[in-house]
């Protein structure tokens, strides 16, 4: 689902620059970003670009395309991924190396470049987030199991006259947003976001749930809102720290200097979802088929077998696995993460890298463990809200001009997601 939809119809021609002019794009990006920072303080914090008729038409077209992907209804017939379908990358050597160790960056970048161009998904090991992820799982389970339904309704996303930003808060089961499709999304979620800049969406502005005591003061049916907020903020911080550490690797993988993204990610837009999937009804999805509109996404899950992705090499749908091992080890990784490329990276590479279509379910089963809710904690990582992103010149040629207009988060994703 393509980023940059807000101005696509009128800016496509503008993006098709002749080759000599394309070589000057990086400098132009830096100048435009500096100007954007100078002017951002003059804009209203609550300013929201209104979706145009063209935006709505394109959104409908993208929805129709997604529904035409023909995802399977019988998951039992699907093959499971093998290492060629979903590679495993060890981040340990890179994260343990000195910041300026070009050899460690180069080797990790080589693996990430191959994964992003050929698959769009990868497992990563030795990321250092194990304890924070476990705490996040406990917080998500507590929110979905222990917070009363009436309390959740007061936190509903996009509620009329809500005293918190759009695009955050509680989504009930069978919701039809993120993504919007003909079929509902059979998951329950709590979404948080930080978007500093013109709209000044801070994590403190989220509709954090209150603590709730059990009947008669019982702890058995109580919900600790303070711990939920603390665990959620800790996970956001840990995810963002890892994501920032990966930026030099992605820059080198794209053929750029390690520091290339520093100015564009001075204040990254981040969104995290704490989702719970009960058993998915037959013929439905926990979350409908889509591609991520992020720069890249980090994902922890209690059950990766509920993730289904379209294998680009085999040209068919494949189920992810919980049995994740490094090529050099016979032991399964305790807390693997998935990293997947978003549409922004496709855009920067003029579609040389891929954003892979995927969906999620909880197929359930006869055993109690199989009926346990599947917890999923995706973290969507983006550049600063007003940072202009353009197709990188070395991914273009006279016969392969840029396919995308230069656009920022506020120009594209924010409109596409109804914010």
Foldseek 3Di string as FASTA:
>chain_A
DAWLQLCCVPCQVVQQDAQVVLVCVLVVLVVQLVVQQVCLVVFALADADARDPSLVVVLVVVQVVQVVPPADLDLVPFAADDCVQANEEECVVVVPDDLPPVVSLVVSLVVVLCCQLAHQKYKYFPLPCVVLVVLLLVLLCCCVPQDDPVLQVLFDAPPPPNQADHPFGWDAAQDQAPPHHPGGAGKIKGKAKAAPTNNGHHRVRHPQGDWAADVVRDPPRTHHSVSSSVSVVVVLVSVVVSVVSCQLSNQVSVVHHSCSCCSQAVPKIKMKMWMWAFADPRPHFNFGKDFAQFQKKKKWKPFQQQKWWQRPVVRGIHGYGQQDDHPVDPHGGDTIMMMGGGNLNCQQLLNSGDGIIMGGGLNADDDPVSRGIMIMMMMGIHTHQFRWGHHNSVSADPVRGRSHGTGGCSSTVSVSNPD
